[in-house]
Amino acid sequence: MNDYDTLMGLLTARHSCRGFLDRAVPEDVIEQVVTAAGRAPSWCNAQPWQVIVTRGAETDRLRAALMAAPGTRAPAPDVPGPEGYPGVHGDRRRTCGWQLYEAVGVEKGDRAGSAKQAMENFNLFGAPHTAILTSTRELGAYGALDSGGFLMAFCLATQALGLATVPQAAVAFHSDVVREVLEIPEDRLILCAITFGYEDPDHPANNFRTERAALNEILEVRG
């Protein structure tokens, strides 16, 4: 197997895990993941990313604060969310959502069921760890763009080490809560969470896979 095949194997096997085992990841494995992610490229080698990884009681403390947030606080993201999902982007988003609902037994029109599943975002899907990804505020969009490379490298490293991940924008929509709990300074933009651990293969939410766009939908070669 060549390097490309290895990379494609990791990319194809990786998926957003929404059900984790109650099993902590050893600290040296976490360090391996972050060391690998830190090899991501960045503009002028600025490396704007930092991550706070929670475990044990700290994960539970963050989980409790996030679970309380939707009923008591309005969303307050550091980085504004999308203005909308036009055309095919909205179609893909809806398809992914209905795949998840079907997997966990939520039928169309079941608002209570869909709300309960949505709250699993703030329960961190039962995972033992989450990594809060932040960037230097002054670097703005460029720092956030660079940090996307870190996020992808983090996900591939976890996959290579037998772990599972789910990047979470929902957590960043309550950046004020995350900042308070973890005492993150104001000069850091809270971008997302990367919740991770060992996948629960029997959890129904892990029983579907999203599709990817065909090459002709994303590639245009000129000249």
Protein backbone atom coordinates (compact mmCIF):
# COMPACT_ATOMS: atom_id res chain seq x y z
CA MET A 1 0.00 0.00 0.00
CA ASN A 2 1.39 3.41 -0.97
CA ASP A 3 1.03 6.67 0.96
CA TYR A 4 -1.95 7.82 -1.11
CA ASP A 5 -3.84 4.61 -0.45
CA THR A 6 -3.10 4.93 3.27
CA LEU A 7 -4.39 8.50 3.29
CA MET A 8 -7.52 7.58 1.34
CA GLY A 9 -8.14 4.73 3.75
CA LEU A 10 -8.07 7.11 6.72
CA LEU A 11 -10.24 9.71 4.96
CA THR A 12 -12.81 7.11 3.93
CA ALA A 13 -12.96 5.40 7.32
CA ARG A 14 -13.27 8.65 9.29
CA HIS A 15 -16.81 9.73 10.11
CA SER A 16 -18.55 11.90 12.66
CA CYS A 17 -19.01 9.64 15.68
CA ARG A 18 -22.10 10.34 17.79
CA GLY A 19 -21.81 7.61 20.39
CA PHE A 20 -18.70 6.91 22.49
CA LEU A 21 -17.58 4.32 25.00
CA ASP A 22 -16.96 5.38 28.60
CA ARG A 23 -13.24 4.79 28.23
CA ALA A 24 -10.58 7.46 28.69
CA VAL A 25 -7.84 7.98 26.12
CA PRO A 26 -4.31 7.72 27.59
CA GLU A 27 -2.50 11.04 27.86
CA ASP A 28 0.40 9.91 25.66
CA VAL A 29 -2.07 9.07 22.87
CA ILE A 30 -3.65 12.52 23.18
CA GLU A 31 -0.17 14.03 22.90
CA GLN A 32 0.47 11.98 19.75
CA VAL A 33 -2.72 13.32 18.18
CA VAL A 34 -1.94 16.95 18.95
CA THR A 35 1.69 16.57 17.85
CA ALA A 36 0.50 15.29 14.48
CA ALA A 37 -2.16 18.00 14.14
CA GLY A 38 0.48 20.63 14.83
CA ARG A 39 2.15 19.68 11.53
CA ALA A 40 -0.69 21.35 9.61
CA PRO A 41 0.33 24.19 7.27
CA SER A 42 -0.44 27.79 8.17
CA TRP A 43 -0.13 31.23 6.64
CA CYS A 44 3.48 32.48 7.15
CA ASN A 45 3.87 29.58 9.64
CA ALA A 46 1.81 31.59 12.15
CA GLN A 47 0.37 28.40 13.71
CA PRO A 48 -2.54 30.30 15.34
CA TRP A 49 -4.19 27.23 16.88
CA GLN A 50 -4.31 26.12 20.48
CA VAL A 51 -6.45 23.33 21.97
CA ILE A 52 -7.73 22.72 25.47
CA VAL A 53 -8.42 19.00 25.91
CA THR A 54 -10.76 18.06 28.74
CA ARG A 55 -10.97 14.76 30.59
CA GLY A 56 -12.70 13.31 33.63
CA ALA A 57 -14.37 15.83 35.89
CA GLU A 58 -13.47 18.73 33.59
CA THR A 59 -15.37 17.15 30.69
CA ASP A 60 -18.35 16.59 32.99
CA ARG A 61 -18.22 20.20 34.21
CA LEU A 62 -18.23 21.53 30.65
CA ARG A 63 -20.95 19.07 29.65
CA ALA A 64 -23.22 20.22 32.49
CA ALA A 65 -22.76 23.89 31.63
CA LEU A 66 -23.49 23.27 27.94
CA MET A 67 -26.58 21.17 28.70
CA ALA A 68 -27.98 24.08 30.73
CA ALA A 69 -27.15 26.73 28.12
CA PRO A 70 -29.92 26.31 25.50
CA GLY A 71 -32.67 26.96 28.04
CA THR A 72 -30.98 29.91 29.72
CA ARG A 73 -28.81 31.70 27.16
CA ALA A 74 -29.07 32.83 23.57
CA PRO A 75 -26.35 31.59 21.20
CA ALA A 76 -23.24 33.76 21.38
CA PRO A 77 -20.63 32.48 18.93
CA ASP A 78 -17.26 34.18 18.57
CA VAL A 79 -17.46 33.56 14.81
CA PRO A 80 -20.85 34.18 13.15
CA GLY A 81 -22.57 31.12 11.73
CA PRO A 82 -23.58 30.71 8.07
CA GLU A 83 -26.11 33.17 6.67
CA GLY A 84 -27.83 30.22 5.02
CA TYR A 85 -27.36 26.95 3.15
CA PRO A 86 -28.32 27.68 -0.47
CA GLY A 87 -29.06 25.06 -3.10
CA VAL A 88 -27.14 21.80 -2.90
CA HIS A 89 -25.58 22.77 0.43
CA GLY A 90 -28.99 22.84 2.05
CA ASP A 91 -29.91 19.56 0.37
CA ARG A 92 -26.82 17.86 1.78
CA ARG A 93 -27.47 19.29 5.23
CA ARG A 94 -31.05 18.01 5.28
CA THR A 95 -30.02 14.59 3.97
CA CYS A 96 -27.42 14.25 6.71
CA GLY A 97 -29.96 15.28 9.34
CA TRP A 98 -32.57 12.78 8.18
CA GLN A 99 -29.96 10.02 7.99
CA LEU A 100 -29.15 10.65 11.64
CA TYR A 101 -32.80 10.79 12.71
CA GLU A 102 -33.59 7.58 10.84
CA ALA A 103 -30.62 5.84 12.48
CA VAL A 104 -31.77 6.76 16.00
CA GLY A 105 -35.48 6.20 15.34
CA VAL A 106 -36.73 9.80 15.18
CA GLU A 107 -39.60 10.09 12.71
CA LYS A 108 -40.54 13.16 10.68
CA GLY A 109 -42.66 15.50 12.78
CA ASP A 110 -41.31 14.17 16.09
CA ARG A 111 -40.17 17.50 17.49
CA ALA A 112 -39.49 16.12 20.95
CA GLY A 113 -37.33 13.36 19.52
CA SER A 114 -35.37 15.71 17.27
CA ALA A 115 -34.86 18.17 20.15
CA LYS A 116 -33.59 15.36 22.37
CA GLN A 117 -31.11 14.28 19.70
CA ALA A 118 -29.99 17.89 19.20
CA MET A 119 -29.20 18.11 22.92
CA GLU A 120 -26.73 15.27 22.47
CA ASN A 121 -24.43 17.90 20.95
CA PHE A 122 -24.22 19.55 24.37
CA ASN A 123 -23.93 16.18 26.10
CA LEU A 124 -20.81 15.78 23.94
CA PHE A 125 -22.36 12.51 22.76
CA GLY A 126 -21.26 10.87 25.99
CA ALA A 127 -17.57 11.19 25.08
CA PRO A 128 -14.84 11.29 27.74
CA HIS A 129 -12.94 14.10 26.00
CA THR A 130 -13.40 17.20 23.93
CA ALA A 131 -10.77 19.48 22.42
CA ILE A 132 -11.75 23.14 22.28
CA LEU A 133 -10.02 24.62 19.24
CA THR A 134 -9.12 28.30 19.45
CA SER A 135 -7.26 30.77 17.25
CA THR A 136 -5.59 34.12 17.80
CA ARG A 137 -8.34 36.73 17.53
CA GLU A 138 -6.22 39.33 15.72
CA LEU A 139 -5.57 36.90 12.83
CA GLY A 140 -9.30 36.81 12.07
CA ALA A 141 -10.40 34.74 9.08
CA TYR A 142 -6.85 33.72 8.20
CA GLY A 143 -6.30 32.22 11.65
CA ALA A 144 -9.62 30.39 11.43
CA LEU A 145 -8.74 29.07 7.97
CA ASP A 146 -5.36 27.81 9.19
CA SER A 147 -7.06 26.16 12.16
CA GLY A 148 -9.27 24.19 9.77
CA GLY A 149 -6.11 22.42 8.63
CA PHE A 150 -5.30 21.62 12.25
CA LEU A 151 -8.81 20.22 12.74
CA MET A 152 -8.48 17.92 9.73
CA ALA A 153 -5.05 16.70 10.81
CA PHE A 154 -6.43 16.06 14.32
CA CYS A 155 -9.25 13.93 12.89
CA LEU A 156 -6.89 11.91 10.70
CA ALA A 157 -4.44 11.35 13.55
CA THR A 158 -7.21 10.06 15.82
CA GLN A 159 -8.41 7.75 13.07
CA ALA A 160 -4.90 6.41 12.59
CA LEU A 161 -4.67 5.70 16.33
CA GLY A 162 -7.97 3.83 16.57
CA LEU A 163 -10.03 6.72 17.95
CA ALA A 164 -13.15 8.49 16.70
CA THR A 165 -14.09 12.17 16.47
CA VAL A 166 -16.97 14.52 15.84
CA PRO A 167 -16.16 18.19 15.08
CA GLN A 168 -18.86 20.32 16.71
CA ALA A 169 -19.91 23.81 15.71
CA ALA A 170 -22.85 23.62 18.15
CA VAL A 171 -20.49 23.93 21.11
CA ALA A 172 -18.92 27.08 19.64
CA PHE A 173 -22.38 28.66 19.35
CA HIS A 174 -22.16 28.94 23.14
CA SER A 175 -18.63 30.33 23.20
CA ASP A 176 -19.46 32.47 26.21
CA VAL A 177 -20.24 29.35 28.26
CA VAL A 178 -17.09 27.57 27.11
CA ARG A 179 -15.00 30.65 27.84
CA GLU A 180 -16.36 30.93 31.39
CA VAL A 181 -15.96 27.25 32.25
CA LEU A 182 -12.48 26.83 30.81
CA GLU A 183 -11.27 30.39 31.53
CA ILE A 184 -10.26 31.08 27.94
CA PRO A 185 -8.90 34.62 27.45
CA GLU A 186 -10.68 37.09 25.19
CA ASP A 187 -7.78 37.23 22.73
CA ARG A 188 -8.64 33.67 21.64
CA LEU A 189 -11.48 32.97 19.18
CA ILE A 190 -13.36 29.79 20.10
CA LEU A 191 -13.85 28.04 16.75
CA CYS A 192 -15.29 24.61 17.50
CA ALA A 193 -15.01 21.52 19.64
CA ILE A 194 -13.46 18.26 18.45
CA THR A 195 -15.11 15.68 20.66
CA PHE A 196 -13.27 12.37 20.68
CA GLY A 197 -12.73 8.99 22.29
CA TYR A 198 -13.35 5.34 21.49
CA GLU A 199 -16.36 4.70 19.26
CA ASP A 200 -19.31 2.71 20.56
CA PRO A 201 -19.89 0.41 17.54
CA ASP A 202 -23.32 -0.58 18.86
CA HIS A 203 -24.70 2.95 19.13
CA PRO A 204 -27.38 3.46 16.44
CA ALA A 205 -26.16 6.98 15.63
CA ASN A 206 -22.97 5.44 14.26
CA ASN A 207 -24.80 3.24 11.76
CA PHE A 208 -24.92 5.60 8.78
CA ARG A 209 -22.41 7.34 6.52
CA THR A 210 -22.79 10.56 4.57
CA GLU A 211 -22.14 10.69 0.83
CA ARG A 212 -19.51 12.81 -0.88
CA ALA A 213 -19.94 14.98 -3.96
CA ALA A 214 -18.77 13.55 -7.29
CA LEU A 215 -15.44 14.79 -8.62
CA ASN A 216 -17.11 16.79 -11.40
CA GLU A 217 -19.04 18.77 -8.78
CA ILE A 218 -15.90 20.02 -7.04
CA LEU A 219 -13.14 20.07 -9.68
CA GLU A 220 -12.64 22.42 -12.61
CA VAL A 221 -9.35 22.13 -14.50
CA ARG A 222 -8.49 25.00 -16.83
CA GLY A 223 -5.79 25.49 -19.42
